[in-house]
Each structure stands twice: as C-alpha cells, then as structure tokens.
C-alpha cells in the first residue's frame, strides 16, 4: 500500500467528490478515480459509496480513516524534517498573511529578501483562511491572533495601531454621534474585531452601509466617500484620498504574530527571511 494512494483516499474523504479531490491534489479527475479503484482492489474492500451527491465513506472507509490520518501525519513530519535540514539558500518559501499585510507590510521586506536571495522563489498566500503549518500549506504565517498549537514556533512582532478614516472631501463627523454619516464595517463571522466594535460605539448614529472582509477594499470605498472606516494605520496612512481623524480615544490596537512549524526551524531560507523581517522591524522602531 503506497502513501500516494492513501493521500488520494484522504482527499476524496475530505472533499466528497473525485473532481474536488483532483483539484486539491493538483492532478486529474481520471487519475484520482483510477488510483482509488486500485486501492480498493488492493485491500479488497469498497471504501466509498457512490451517490448522486458524491462519495460517502462506507463502514470500511470509516474504519481506516484514523489510520490513514496517522500515516499522513508521519509523511508530513518526515517532509518537514527533511526540509528543515536543507542548508542551501534556494528553493521555495510560502508565506501566509492577511490581504492588507501582504499588500502594505510585506512588499519592502520581500524586496530586500529577493535582492539578497534571488534563488529563493516566494509565494504569498493572502486572505482570511488560516493555512495549516503542520501540513506545509505555508512555511511561515503572519496573524493578528496567537497560534494555538504546540508545534508552532511563534513570535510577537509588533503592536498594530489602528486609525479612523474618512475621504478628504467629506466633512468632519462628530465623535460620539455620527448623525448623517455612514460606516464601512468588517465581516465579523470569521472572528472578533475590536476595532469594528469601537467604530460602531464611537459613531452610534451613523448607519452601517457596507461590509467587507478586505481592508484594502474598505480603504478604497472610504476614499470614494461611502463612509467612515477604521483601518490599520499602515494601510490607511498609505491610501491617497483619505484622511485620519483626530479622535479622543483611538481604536484598540492588536499584536501581529509570526509563526512557523518547529521542524522548519533549521531551514536556512526561512531563517534568512526571519532575519530580514527582524531587520525591518528594528529600522522601523529606530
């Protein structure tokens, strides 16, 4: 029984269809179907029930899912350990962050890193999804919340300050009121956002009119005069056409965390990237 077949079994079990499994594995639909049939023939059991809605695990499939996940963890641990022993400054480095962090914080850092280490290929994954470091979905991640797994080495990088913004041509809203103004808020289904709660409390009579999970979109909409927005200052201060309001109480700040899997702590290109990040932070604080 080959690990590659078990990997296909797990992908189908998690996605429910051959097509979705093929996309997650970056292979073809026929290949997934053929390898799955070969696995079932090898072990002599049907692992999935074919239905109109997709593939559902049979009793036999349910019986081996935990063992397959153990095999997966062992294979991933081996992959991480071997990757962590690479000493050459070449290969790939996958970075995960929020969209605004990738657009406004990382560019100068990556410019210096790429100039110093031109043989390292960098991939930036941005969005609200928290990529799994244990499964090598990313090598290093930046988040506004601490990492909650013991196998992640994490570091608090800096305190993220927020500001409240409005378009340059808009009149000044009254703090504690907001009558006649509108608010640009954030999709709070993915977590808690103290800055958004502060915005609503600080301008209680302003009407929420637009919600987005993308800080860049919020800033651009603010520039169009759609409403008041609260943004990380590293974002808002760089967007032309909006101005930061002077308010008696600033929006609550948050910490920025960087994390990577402990098995990659000796990966030379990762250590070089972390060193570049540290250099930028020291220069910014100077």
C-alpha atoms as a PDB file:
ATOM      1  CA  UNK A   1       0.000   0.000   0.000  1.00  0.00           C
ATOM      2  CA  UNK A   2       1.535   3.303  -1.129  1.00  0.00           C
ATOM      3  CA  UNK A   3       1.304   6.633   0.697  1.00  0.00           C
ATOM      4  CA  UNK A   4       0.243   8.308  -2.559  1.00  0.00           C
ATOM      5  CA  UNK A   5      -2.886   6.117  -2.657  1.00  0.00           C
ATOM      6  CA  UNK A   6      -3.682   6.909   0.979  1.00  0.00           C
ATOM      7  CA  UNK A   7      -3.265  10.594   0.166  1.00  0.00           C
ATOM      8  CA  UNK A   8      -5.872  10.256  -2.565  1.00  0.00           C
ATOM      9  CA  UNK A   9      -8.194   8.366  -0.205  1.00  0.00           C
ATOM     10  CA  UNK A  10      -7.984  11.190   2.341  1.00  0.00           C
ATOM     11  CA  UNK A  11      -8.534  13.884  -0.293  1.00  0.00           C
ATOM     12  CA  UNK A  12     -11.691  12.157  -1.546  1.00  0.00           C
ATOM     13  CA  UNK A  13     -12.947  11.586   2.004  1.00  0.00           C
ATOM     14  CA  UNK A  14     -12.483  15.284   2.821  1.00  0.00           C
ATOM     15  CA  UNK A  15     -13.892  16.736  -0.387  1.00  0.00           C
ATOM     16  CA  UNK A  16     -16.637  14.247  -1.215  1.00  0.00           C
ATOM     17  CA  UNK A  17     -16.036  14.183  -4.979  1.00  0.00           C
ATOM     18  CA  UNK A  18     -13.321  12.988  -7.334  1.00  0.00           C
ATOM     19  CA  UNK A  19     -13.167  16.362  -9.060  1.00  0.00           C
ATOM     20  CA  UNK A  20     -12.646  18.333  -5.859  1.00  0.00           C
ATOM     21  CA  UNK A  21     -10.028  15.841  -4.676  1.00  0.00           C
ATOM     22  CA  UNK A  22      -8.207  16.144  -8.004  1.00  0.00           C
ATOM     23  CA  UNK A  23      -8.136  19.935  -7.723  1.00  0.00           C
ATOM     24  CA  UNK A  24      -6.776  19.836  -4.164  1.00  0.00           C
ATOM     25  CA  UNK A  25      -4.050  17.401  -5.230  1.00  0.00           C
ATOM     26  CA  UNK A  26      -3.348  19.260  -8.490  1.00  0.00           C
ATOM     27  CA  UNK A  27      -3.907  16.152 -10.579  1.00  0.00           C
ATOM     28  CA  UNK A  28      -6.574  14.913 -12.992  1.00  0.00           C
ATOM     29  CA  UNK A  29     -10.043  13.543 -12.275  1.00  0.00           C
ATOM     30  CA  UNK A  30      -9.345  10.212 -14.111  1.00  0.00           C
ATOM     31  CA  UNK A  31      -6.100   9.731 -12.160  1.00  0.00           C
ATOM     32  CA  UNK A  32      -7.885  10.079  -8.821  1.00  0.00           C
ATOM     33  CA  UNK A  33     -10.617   7.662  -9.883  1.00  0.00           C
ATOM     34  CA  UNK A  34      -8.130   5.106 -11.177  1.00  0.00           C
ATOM     35  CA  UNK A  35      -5.919   5.250  -8.079  1.00  0.00           C
ATOM     36  CA  UNK A  36      -8.920   4.991  -5.777  1.00  0.00           C
ATOM     37  CA  UNK A  37     -10.216   1.902  -7.589  1.00  0.00           C
ATOM     38  CA  UNK A  38      -6.742   0.359  -7.440  1.00  0.00           C
ATOM     39  CA  UNK A  39      -6.588   0.968  -3.676  1.00  0.00           C
ATOM     40  CA  UNK A  40      -9.993  -0.653  -3.147  1.00  0.00           C
ATOM     41  CA  UNK A  41      -8.925  -3.666  -5.209  1.00  0.00           C
ATOM     42  CA  UNK A  42      -5.674  -3.976  -3.265  1.00  0.00           C
ATOM     43  CA  UNK A  43      -7.333  -4.055   0.147  1.00  0.00           C
ATOM     44  CA  UNK A  44     -10.403  -5.967  -1.074  1.00  0.00           C
ATOM     45  CA  UNK A  45     -12.966  -3.501   0.309  1.00  0.00           C
ATOM     46  CA  UNK A  46     -15.159  -0.749  -1.075  1.00  0.00           C
ATOM     47  CA  UNK A  47     -14.221   2.463   0.720  1.00  0.00           C
ATOM     48  CA  UNK A  48     -16.844   4.810  -0.713  1.00  0.00           C
ATOM     49  CA  UNK A  49     -20.498   4.581  -1.573  1.00  0.00           C
ATOM     50  CA  UNK A  50     -21.247   6.344  -4.853  1.00  0.00           C
ATOM     51  CA  UNK A  51     -24.341   8.573  -4.541  1.00  0.00           C
ATOM     52  CA  UNK A  52     -25.927  11.333  -6.609  1.00  0.00           C
ATOM     53  CA  UNK A  53     -24.447  13.900  -4.211  1.00  0.00           C
ATOM     54  CA  UNK A  54     -20.933  12.494  -4.266  1.00  0.00           C
ATOM     55  CA  UNK A  55     -18.872   9.870  -2.466  1.00  0.00           C
ATOM     56  CA  UNK A  56     -19.683   8.812   1.097  1.00  0.00           C
ATOM     57  CA  UNK A  57     -17.419   6.687   3.266  1.00  0.00           C
ATOM     58  CA  UNK A  58     -18.549   3.104   3.783  1.00  0.00           C
ATOM     59  CA  UNK A  59     -18.168   1.367   7.132  1.00  0.00           C
ATOM     60  CA  UNK A  60     -14.819   0.018   5.949  1.00  0.00           C
ATOM     61  CA  UNK A  61     -13.764   3.532   4.892  1.00  0.00           C
ATOM     62  CA  UNK A  62     -14.690   4.954   8.272  1.00  0.00           C
ATOM     63  CA  UNK A  63     -12.696   2.166   9.891  1.00  0.00           C
ATOM     64  CA  UNK A  64      -9.392   3.179   8.309  1.00  0.00           C
ATOM     65  CA  UNK A  65      -9.715   6.975   8.213  1.00  0.00           C
ATOM     66  CA  UNK A  66      -7.907   7.455  11.547  1.00  0.00           C
ATOM     67  CA  UNK A  67      -5.086   5.123  10.470  1.00  0.00           C
ATOM     68  CA  UNK A  68      -4.788   6.983   7.163  1.00  0.00           C
ATOM     69  CA  UNK A  69      -4.522  10.304   9.013  1.00  0.00           C
ATOM     70  CA  UNK A  70      -1.770   8.848  11.208  1.00  0.00           C
ATOM     71  CA  UNK A  71       0.107   7.822   8.073  1.00  0.00           C
ATOM     72  CA  UNK A  72      -0.405  11.317   6.681  1.00  0.00           C
ATOM     73  CA  UNK A  73       0.998  12.942   9.798  1.00  0.00           C
ATOM     74  CA  UNK A  74       4.044  10.682   9.655  1.00  0.00           C
ATOM     75  CA  UNK A  75       4.675  11.511   5.996  1.00  0.00           C
ATOM     76  CA  UNK A  76       4.249  15.235   6.588  1.00  0.00           C
ATOM     77  CA  UNK A  77       6.535  15.127   9.620  1.00  0.00           C
ATOM     78  CA  UNK A  78       9.203  13.403   7.525  1.00  0.00           C
ATOM     79  CA  UNK A  79       8.776  16.020   4.786  1.00  0.00           C
ATOM     80  CA  UNK A  80       9.062  18.888   7.269  1.00  0.00           C
ATOM     81  CA  UNK A  81      12.104  17.355   8.965  1.00  0.00           C
ATOM     82  CA  UNK A  82      13.943  16.845   5.686  1.00  0.00           C
ATOM     83  CA  UNK A  83      13.003  20.343   4.512  1.00  0.00           C
ATOM     84  CA  UNK A  84      14.290  21.768   7.780  1.00  0.00           C
ATOM     85  CA  UNK A  85      17.711  20.238   7.146  1.00  0.00           C
ATOM     86  CA  UNK A  86      18.172  21.979   3.780  1.00  0.00           C
ATOM     87  CA  UNK A  87      21.023  24.437   4.057  1.00  0.00           C
ATOM     88  CA  UNK A  88      21.089  25.903   0.549  1.00  0.00           C
ATOM     89  CA  UNK A  89      19.501  29.307   0.043  1.00  0.00           C
ATOM     90  CA  UNK A  90      17.380  28.168  -2.860  1.00  0.00           C
ATOM     91  CA  UNK A  91      14.009  26.549  -3.302  1.00  0.00           C
ATOM     92  CA  UNK A  92      10.598  27.911  -2.382  1.00  0.00           C
ATOM     93  CA  UNK A  93       9.217  29.818   0.578  1.00  0.00           C
ATOM     94  CA  UNK A  94       5.465  30.010   1.090  1.00  0.00           C
ATOM     95  CA  UNK A  95       4.170  32.930   3.179  1.00  0.00           C
ATOM     96  CA  UNK A  96       0.633  33.293   4.520  1.00  0.00           C
ATOM     97  CA  UNK A  97      -0.916  36.556   5.735  1.00  0.00           C
ATOM     98  CA  UNK A  98      -3.993  38.747   5.669  1.00  0.00           C
ATOM     99  CA  UNK A  99      -4.574  40.610   2.400  1.00  0.00           C
ATOM    100  CA  UNK A 100      -3.625  44.028   3.825  1.00  0.00           C
ATOM    101  CA  UNK A 101      -0.431  42.647   5.393  1.00  0.00           C
ATOM    102  CA  UNK A 102       0.621  41.180   2.063  1.00  0.00           C
ATOM    103  CA  UNK A 103      -0.143  44.424   0.236  1.00  0.00           C
ATOM    104  CA  UNK A 104       1.232  47.032   2.654  1.00  0.00           C
ATOM    105  CA  UNK A 105       3.713  45.401   5.068  1.00  0.00           C
ATOM    106  CA  UNK A 106       5.451  42.626   3.129  1.00  0.00           C
ATOM    107  CA  UNK A 107       6.485  44.411  -0.128  1.00  0.00           C
ATOM    108  CA  UNK A 108       9.556  46.269   1.233  1.00  0.00           C
ATOM    109  CA  UNK A 109      10.576  43.210   3.264  1.00  0.00           C
ATOM    110  CA  UNK A 110      10.306  40.899   0.258  1.00  0.00           C
ATOM    111  CA  UNK A 111      12.082  43.392  -1.982  1.00  0.00           C
ATOM    112  CA  UNK A 112      15.148  43.242   0.266  1.00  0.00           C
ATOM    113  CA  UNK A 113      14.856  39.468   0.725  1.00  0.00           C
ATOM    114  CA  UNK A 114      14.548  38.784  -3.016  1.00  0.00           C
ATOM    115  CA  UNK A 115      17.507  41.033  -3.806  1.00  0.00           C
ATOM    116  CA  UNK A 116      19.649  39.259  -1.213  1.00  0.00           C
ATOM    117  CA  UNK A 117      18.488  35.717  -2.066  1.00  0.00           C
ATOM    118  CA  UNK A 118      17.483  35.653  -5.748  1.00  0.00           C
ATOM    119  CA  UNK A 119      17.369  31.841  -5.902  1.00  0.00           C
ATOM    120  CA  UNK A 120      14.505  31.576  -3.397  1.00  0.00           C
ATOM    121  CA  UNK A 121      11.083  31.527  -5.033  1.00  0.00           C
ATOM    122  CA  UNK A 122       8.494  33.254  -2.837  1.00  0.00           C
ATOM    123  CA  UNK A 123       4.778  32.516  -2.859  1.00  0.00           C
ATOM    124  CA  UNK A 124       2.384  34.768  -0.917  1.00  0.00           C
ATOM    125  CA  UNK A 125      -0.994  33.377   0.140  1.00  0.00           C
ATOM    126  CA  UNK A 126      -3.369  36.076   1.392  1.00  0.00           C
ATOM    127  CA  UNK A 127      -6.915  36.009   2.706  1.00  0.00           C
ATOM    128  CA  UNK A 128      -8.911  35.125   5.785  1.00  0.00           C
ATOM    129  CA  UNK A 129      -8.133  31.408   5.737  1.00  0.00           C
ATOM    130  CA  UNK A 130      -5.665  30.214   8.380  1.00  0.00           C
ATOM    131  CA  UNK A 131      -3.303  27.908   6.488  1.00  0.00           C
ATOM    132  CA  UNK A 132      -2.127  24.759   8.251  1.00  0.00           C
ATOM    133  CA  UNK A 133       1.587  24.944   9.026  1.00  0.00           C
ATOM    134  CA  UNK A 134       1.768  21.275  10.044  1.00  0.00           C
ATOM    135  CA  UNK A 135       0.536  20.207   6.607  1.00  0.00           C
ATOM    136  CA  UNK A 136       3.042  22.525   4.852  1.00  0.00           C
ATOM    137  CA  UNK A 137       0.265  24.675   3.417  1.00  0.00           C
ATOM    138  CA  UNK A 138       2.587  27.543   4.357  1.00  0.00           C
ATOM    139  CA  UNK A 139       6.131  27.744   5.709  1.00  0.00           C
ATOM    140  CA  UNK A 140       5.609  30.920   7.717  1.00  0.00           C
ATOM    141  CA  UNK A 141       2.438  32.799   8.630  1.00  0.00           C
ATOM    142  CA  UNK A 142       1.559  36.241   9.962  1.00  0.00           C
ATOM    143  CA  UNK A 143      -1.618  36.604  12.039  1.00  0.00           C
ATOM    144  CA  UNK A 144      -3.378  39.020  14.401  1.00  0.00           C
ATOM    145  CA  UNK A 145      -4.064  36.189  16.849  1.00  0.00           C
ATOM    146  CA  UNK A 146      -1.527  33.885  18.552  1.00  0.00           C
ATOM    147  CA  UNK A 147      -1.005  30.382  17.209  1.00  0.00           C
ATOM    148  CA  UNK A 148      -2.694  27.749  19.366  1.00  0.00           C
ATOM    149  CA  UNK A 149      -0.685  24.606  18.555  1.00  0.00           C
ATOM    150  CA  UNK A 150       2.379  23.432  20.469  1.00  0.00           C
ATOM    151  CA  UNK A 151       4.338  22.513  17.323  1.00  0.00           C
ATOM    152  CA  UNK A 152       4.443  26.126  16.081  1.00  0.00           C
ATOM    153  CA  UNK A 153       7.310  28.435  16.999  1.00  0.00           C
ATOM    154  CA  UNK A 154       5.793  31.894  17.304  1.00  0.00           C
ATOM    155  CA  UNK A 155       6.942  35.417  17.963  1.00  0.00           C
ATOM    156  CA  UNK A 156       5.069  38.642  18.648  1.00  0.00           C
ATOM    157  CA  UNK A 157       6.401  41.078  16.064  1.00  0.00           C
ATOM    158  CA  UNK A 158       4.845  44.466  16.797  1.00  0.00           C
ATOM    159  CA  UNK A 159       1.813  46.298  18.068  1.00  0.00           C
ATOM    160  CA  UNK A 160      -0.564  47.166  15.218  1.00  0.00           C
ATOM    161  CA  UNK A 161      -2.115  50.616  15.607  1.00  0.00           C
ATOM    162  CA  UNK A 162      -5.474  51.447  14.029  1.00  0.00           C
ATOM    163  CA  UNK A 163      -6.912  54.774  12.887  1.00  0.00           C
ATOM    164  CA  UNK A 164     -10.319  56.008  11.789  1.00  0.00           C
ATOM    165  CA  UNK A 165     -10.517  57.475   8.285  1.00  0.00           C
ATOM    166  CA  UNK A 166     -12.813  59.439   6.009  1.00  0.00           C
ATOM    167  CA  UNK A 167     -12.465  60.758   2.469  1.00  0.00           C
ATOM    168  CA  UNK A 168     -10.559  64.022   2.124  1.00  0.00           C
ATOM    169  CA  UNK A 169     -13.604  65.848   0.736  1.00  0.00           C
ATOM    170  CA  UNK A 170     -16.022  64.729   3.471  1.00  0.00           C
ATOM    171  CA  UNK A 171     -16.952  66.965   6.422  1.00  0.00           C
ATOM    172  CA  UNK A 172     -15.797  66.093   9.921  1.00  0.00           C
ATOM    173  CA  UNK A 173     -18.100  63.634  11.726  1.00  0.00           C
ATOM    174  CA  UNK A 174     -18.889  64.295  15.376  1.00  0.00           C
ATOM    175  CA  UNK A 175     -17.248  61.766  17.652  1.00  0.00           C
ATOM    176  CA  UNK A 176     -19.833  60.082  19.890  1.00  0.00           C
ATOM    177  CA  UNK A 177     -22.608  60.835  17.400  1.00  0.00           C
ATOM    178  CA  UNK A 178     -22.094  60.288  13.659  1.00  0.00           C
ATOM    179  CA  UNK A 179     -25.524  61.541  12.570  1.00  0.00           C
ATOM    180  CA  UNK A 180     -25.664  61.914   8.792  1.00  0.00           C
ATOM    181  CA  UNK A 181     -22.658  59.660   8.180  1.00  0.00           C
ATOM    182  CA  UNK A 182     -22.278  56.034   7.138  1.00  0.00           C
ATOM    183  CA  UNK A 183     -19.944  53.300   8.332  1.00  0.00           C
ATOM    184  CA  UNK A 184     -17.809  50.795   6.460  1.00  0.00           C
ATOM    185  CA  UNK A 185     -17.505  47.686   8.622  1.00  0.00           C
ATOM    186  CA  UNK A 186     -15.910  44.244   8.533  1.00  0.00           C
ATOM    187  CA  UNK A 187     -17.337  40.756   8.155  1.00  0.00           C
ATOM    188  CA  UNK A 188     -17.229  39.570  11.781  1.00  0.00           C
ATOM    189  CA  UNK A 189     -18.265  35.971  11.037  1.00  0.00           C
ATOM    190  CA  UNK A 190     -14.577  34.953  10.860  1.00  0.00           C
ATOM    191  CA  UNK A 191     -13.643  36.283  14.293  1.00  0.00           C
ATOM    192  CA  UNK A 192     -13.704  39.174  16.728  1.00  0.00           C
ATOM    193  CA  UNK A 193     -12.669  42.637  15.524  1.00  0.00           C
ATOM    194  CA  UNK A 194     -12.354  45.076  18.457  1.00  0.00           C
ATOM    195  CA  UNK A 195     -11.690  47.971  16.068  1.00  0.00           C
ATOM    196  CA  UNK A 196     -15.040  47.449  14.333  1.00  0.00           C
ATOM    197  CA  UNK A 197     -16.862  47.321  17.675  1.00  0.00           C
ATOM    198  CA  UNK A 198     -15.059  50.564  18.611  1.00  0.00           C
ATOM    199  CA  UNK A 199     -16.168  52.200  15.332  1.00  0.00           C
ATOM    200  CA  UNK A 200     -19.834  51.363  15.899  1.00  0.00           C
ATOM    201  CA  UNK A 201     -19.702  52.515  19.526  1.00  0.00           C
ATOM    202  CA  UNK A 202     -17.854  55.740  18.664  1.00  0.00           C
ATOM    203  CA  UNK A 203     -20.330  56.797  15.955  1.00  0.00           C
ATOM    204  CA  UNK A 204     -23.583  55.238  17.225  1.00  0.00           C
ATOM    205  CA  UNK A 205     -25.880  57.293  14.999  1.00  0.00           C
ATOM    206  CA  UNK A 206     -24.006  56.568  11.781  1.00  0.00           C
ATOM    207  CA  UNK A 207     -25.585  53.938   9.570  1.00  0.00           C
ATOM    208  CA  UNK A 208     -23.556  50.840   8.580  1.00  0.00           C
ATOM    209  CA  UNK A 209     -23.823  50.769   4.801  1.00  0.00           C
ATOM    210  CA  UNK A 210     -21.057  48.467   3.528  1.00  0.00           C
ATOM    211  CA  UNK A 211     -19.262  45.433   4.910  1.00  0.00           C
ATOM    212  CA  UNK A 212     -16.146  43.766   3.507  1.00  0.00           C
ATOM    213  CA  UNK A 213     -13.597  41.229   4.755  1.00  0.00           C
ATOM    214  CA  UNK A 214     -10.844  43.010   2.785  1.00  0.00           C
ATOM    215  CA  UNK A 215      -9.126  46.024   4.377  1.00  0.00           C
ATOM    216  CA  UNK A 216      -7.903  47.224   1.005  1.00  0.00           C
ATOM    217  CA  UNK A 217     -11.483  47.280  -0.279  1.00  0.00           C
ATOM    218  CA  UNK A 218     -12.595  49.135   2.862  1.00  0.00           C
ATOM    219  CA  UNK A 219      -9.952  51.793   2.278  1.00  0.00           C
ATOM    220  CA  UNK A 220     -10.847  52.239  -1.378  1.00  0.00           C
ATOM    221  CA  UNK A 221     -14.546  52.550  -0.541  1.00  0.00           C
ATOM    222  CA  UNK A 222     -13.707  55.098   2.131  1.00  0.00           C
ATOM    223  CA  UNK A 223     -11.823  57.117  -0.499  1.00  0.00           C
ATOM    224  CA  UNK A 224     -14.970  57.150  -2.649  1.00  0.00           C
ATOM    225  CA  UNK A 225     -16.836  58.863   0.185  1.00  0.00           C
ATOM    226  CA  UNK A 226     -19.039  55.875   1.006  1.00  0.00           C
ATOM    227  CA  UNK A 227     -18.422  56.077   4.740  1.00  0.00           C
ATOM    228  CA  UNK A 228     -16.147  56.154   7.777  1.00  0.00           C
ATOM    229  CA  UNK A 229     -13.688  53.254   8.025  1.00  0.00           C
ATOM    230  CA  UNK A 230     -11.320  52.038  10.717  1.00  0.00           C
ATOM    231  CA  UNK A 231      -8.101  50.633   9.250  1.00  0.00           C
ATOM    232  CA  UNK A 232      -4.642  49.533  10.321  1.00  0.00           C
ATOM    233  CA  UNK A 233      -2.606  52.734  10.134  1.00  0.00           C
ATOM    234  CA  UNK A 234      -0.032  51.005   7.943  1.00  0.00           C
ATOM    235  CA  UNK A 235      -2.888  50.692   5.410  1.00  0.00           C
ATOM    236  CA  UNK A 236      -4.858  53.894   5.920  1.00  0.00           C
ATOM    237  CA  UNK A 237      -1.824  56.172   6.023  1.00  0.00           C
ATOM    238  CA  UNK A 238      -0.727  54.863   2.607  1.00  0.00           C
ATOM    239  CA  UNK A 239      -4.032  55.330   0.777  1.00  0.00           C
ATOM    240  CA  UNK A 240      -4.235  58.643  -1.055  1.00  0.00           C
ATOM    241  CA  UNK A 241      -7.539  60.482  -0.859  1.00  0.00           C
ATOM    242  CA  UNK A 242      -8.445  59.664   2.746  1.00  0.00           C
ATOM    243  CA  UNK A 243      -7.514  61.410   5.982  1.00  0.00           C
ATOM    244  CA  UNK A 244      -7.162  60.135   9.518  1.00  0.00           C
ATOM    245  CA  UNK A 245      -9.499  61.718  12.044  1.00  0.00           C
ATOM    246  CA  UNK A 246      -8.299  63.077  15.348  1.00  0.00           C
ATOM    247  CA  UNK A 247     -10.446  61.364  17.977  1.00  0.00           C
ATOM    248  CA  UNK A 248     -10.308  61.479  21.800  1.00  0.00           C
ATOM    249  CA  UNK A 249      -9.907  57.708  22.043  1.00  0.00           C
ATOM    250  CA  UNK A 250      -8.013  55.676  19.459  1.00  0.00           C
ATOM    251  CA  UNK A 251      -9.286  52.325  18.168  1.00  0.00           C
ATOM    252  CA  UNK A 252      -7.861  49.357  20.125  1.00  0.00           C
ATOM    253  CA  UNK A 253      -4.504  48.082  18.886  1.00  0.00           C
ATOM    254  CA  UNK A 254      -3.653  44.431  18.230  1.00  0.00           C
ATOM    255  CA  UNK A 255      -0.500  42.324  18.162  1.00  0.00           C
ATOM    256  CA  UNK A 256       0.971  40.843  14.987  1.00  0.00           C
ATOM    257  CA  UNK A 257       2.317  37.308  15.362  1.00  0.00           C
ATOM    258  CA  UNK A 258       4.680  35.341  13.128  1.00  0.00           C
ATOM    259  CA  UNK A 259       4.788  31.550  13.310  1.00  0.00           C
ATOM    260  CA  UNK A 260       6.390  28.556  11.620  1.00  0.00           C
ATOM    261  CA  UNK A 261       6.484  24.829  12.311  1.00  0.00           C
ATOM    262  CA  UNK A 262       9.260  23.792  14.687  1.00  0.00           C
ATOM    263  CA  UNK A 263      10.521  21.169  12.212  1.00  0.00           C
ATOM    264  CA  UNK A 264      11.499  24.008   9.850  1.00  0.00           C
ATOM    265  CA  UNK A 265      13.488  25.983  12.404  1.00  0.00           C
ATOM    266  CA  UNK A 266      16.763  24.976  10.729  1.00  0.00           C
ATOM    267  CA  UNK A 267      15.546  25.717   7.190  1.00  0.00           C
ATOM    268  CA  UNK A 268      18.149  28.209   6.051  1.00  0.00           C
ATOM    269  CA  UNK A 269      15.961  30.208   3.669  1.00  0.00           C
ATOM    270  CA  UNK A 270      13.303  30.545   6.366  1.00  0.00           C
ATOM    271  CA  UNK A 271      15.886  31.767   8.873  1.00  0.00           C
ATOM    272  CA  UNK A 272      17.167  34.270   6.305  1.00  0.00           C
ATOM    273  CA  UNK A 273      13.629  35.557   5.775  1.00  0.00           C
ATOM    274  CA  UNK A 274      13.019  35.890   9.532  1.00  0.00           C
ATOM    275  CA  UNK A 275      16.293  37.822   9.816  1.00  0.00           C
ATOM    276  CA  UNK A 276      15.115  40.190   7.078  1.00  0.00           C
ATOM    277  CA  UNK A 277      11.822  40.723   8.906  1.00  0.00           C
ATOM    278  CA  UNK A 278      13.703  41.491  12.123  1.00  0.00           C
ATOM    279  CA  UNK A 279      15.960  43.993  10.361  1.00  0.00           C
ATOM    280  CA  UNK A 280      12.944  45.875   9.010  1.00  0.00           C
ATOM    281  CA  UNK A 281      11.269  45.970  12.398  1.00  0.00           C
ATOM    282  CA  UNK A 282      14.415  47.352  14.044  1.00  0.00           C
ATOM    283  CA  UNK A 283      14.738  50.020  11.352  1.00  0.00           C
ATOM    284  CA  UNK A 284      11.077  50.953  11.749  1.00  0.00           C
ATOM    285  CA  UNK A 285      11.494  51.314  15.516  1.00  0.00           C
ATOM    286  CA  UNK A 286      14.665  53.397  15.198  1.00  0.00           C
END
